[in-house]
Amino acid sequence: MNQRAFVAAAAASLLSTLLVATPAVAQEKEKCYGISKAGQNDCANLSGSHSCAGQSKVGNVPDEWKYVAKGTCADMKGLSADQAKMMVKPAADSKKG
């Protein structure tokens, strides 16, 4: 087996392992709102002001979230998605005023 084929096979094996393992990890975690520090959010916020991880400007705001171990969010004084949605207006609503 030449080096290029070996590297391709190794990459394919790693990728398939990651794809199979991802759903199990997601089941063990939940989104916890209001606990992420500035620049440490995991993805887009509820208000729609950004759409990517690490873009939060302020820490501990209800529309930013991080993945945490399932069942630990309340212990961290975090909010569920429903609780956070009640506290946050989408960016489009705040621009209308």
Protein backbone atom coordinates (compact mmCIF):
# COMPACT_ATOMS: atom_id res chain seq x y z
CA MET A 1 0.00 0.00 0.00
CA ASN A 2 1.50 3.34 -0.96
CA GLN A 3 1.62 6.26 1.45
CA ARG A 4 -1.18 8.24 -0.21
CA ALA A 5 -3.59 5.28 -0.05
CA PHE A 6 -2.64 4.63 3.56
CA VAL A 7 -3.30 8.25 4.56
CA ALA A 8 -6.62 8.24 2.70
CA ALA A 9 -7.70 5.02 4.42
CA ALA A 10 -6.68 6.36 7.83
CA ALA A 11 -8.57 9.61 7.24
CA ALA A 12 -11.69 7.74 6.11
CA SER A 13 -11.51 5.51 9.17
CA LEU A 14 -11.18 8.47 11.52
CA LEU A 15 -14.03 10.34 9.84
CA SER A 16 -16.37 7.36 10.03
CA THR A 17 -15.53 6.90 13.73
CA LEU A 18 -16.34 10.55 14.46
CA LEU A 19 -19.61 10.40 12.55
CA VAL A 20 -20.76 7.32 14.44
CA ALA A 21 -19.71 8.69 17.85
CA THR A 22 -21.32 12.13 17.49
CA PRO A 23 -24.98 11.17 18.19
CA ALA A 24 -24.04 9.44 21.44
CA VAL A 25 -22.19 12.53 22.63
CA ALA A 26 -25.12 14.78 21.73
CA GLN A 27 -27.48 12.63 23.79
CA GLU A 28 -25.31 13.12 26.88
CA LYS A 29 -25.29 16.92 26.59
CA GLU A 30 -27.80 19.74 26.63
CA LYS A 31 -27.77 23.42 25.77
CA CYS A 32 -27.49 25.61 28.84
CA TYR A 33 -28.27 29.29 28.35
CA GLY A 34 -26.90 32.22 30.32
CA ILE A 35 -23.69 30.60 31.58
CA SER A 36 -21.15 31.11 28.79
CA LYS A 37 -18.39 33.66 29.19
CA ALA A 38 -17.74 36.29 26.51
CA GLY A 39 -16.25 34.61 23.45
CA GLN A 40 -16.92 31.10 24.76
CA ASN A 41 -20.43 30.38 23.47
CA ASP A 42 -20.92 27.15 21.51
CA CYS A 43 -22.96 28.43 18.54
CA ALA A 44 -25.54 30.96 17.30
CA ASN A 45 -27.48 32.94 19.89
CA LEU A 46 -31.25 33.22 20.27
CA SER A 47 -31.45 36.93 19.39
CA GLY A 48 -29.86 36.31 15.99
CA SER A 49 -27.07 38.87 16.34
CA HIS A 50 -24.45 36.26 15.38
CA SER A 51 -24.39 32.73 14.01
CA CYS A 52 -21.17 31.14 15.16
CA ALA A 53 -19.27 29.84 18.18
CA GLY A 54 -17.01 32.22 20.06
CA GLN A 55 -18.74 35.38 18.87
CA SER A 56 -20.49 36.45 22.08
CA LYS A 57 -19.40 39.90 23.24
CA VAL A 58 -20.78 39.70 26.80
CA GLY A 59 -20.77 36.84 29.28
CA ASN A 60 -23.68 35.26 31.14
CA VAL A 61 -26.47 36.64 28.97
CA PRO A 62 -29.63 34.57 28.45
CA ASP A 63 -29.38 34.26 24.66
CA GLU A 64 -25.89 32.67 24.62
CA TRP A 65 -25.40 28.97 25.38
CA LYS A 66 -22.87 26.22 25.95
CA TYR A 67 -23.22 22.45 25.88
CA VAL A 68 -23.07 20.95 29.36
CA ALA A 69 -23.54 17.45 30.72
CA LYS A 70 -27.22 16.55 30.71
CA GLY A 71 -28.88 17.39 34.03
CA THR A 72 -26.25 19.90 35.22
CA CYS A 73 -27.56 23.17 33.75
CA ALA A 74 -29.81 24.08 36.69
CA ASP A 75 -26.96 23.42 39.13
CA MET A 76 -24.91 26.02 37.21
CA LYS A 77 -27.78 28.53 37.51
CA GLY A 78 -28.36 28.23 33.76
CA LEU A 79 -31.57 28.44 31.78
CA SER A 80 -33.38 25.94 29.59
CA ALA A 81 -34.15 26.93 26.00
CA ASP A 82 -37.76 27.77 26.90
CA GLN A 83 -36.69 29.93 29.86
CA ALA A 84 -34.12 31.76 27.74
CA LYS A 85 -36.58 32.36 24.89
CA MET A 86 -38.97 34.08 27.31
CA MET A 87 -36.19 36.50 28.29
CA VAL A 88 -34.85 37.29 24.80
CA LYS A 89 -36.30 39.20 21.86
CA PRO A 90 -34.99 38.29 18.40
CA ALA A 91 -32.64 40.91 16.87
CA ALA A 92 -35.26 41.71 14.19
CA ASP A 93 -37.80 42.70 16.88
CA SER A 94 -35.35 44.99 18.67
CA LYS A 95 -34.53 46.85 15.42
CA LYS A 96 -38.20 47.68 14.72
CA GLY A 97 -38.54 50.04 17.72
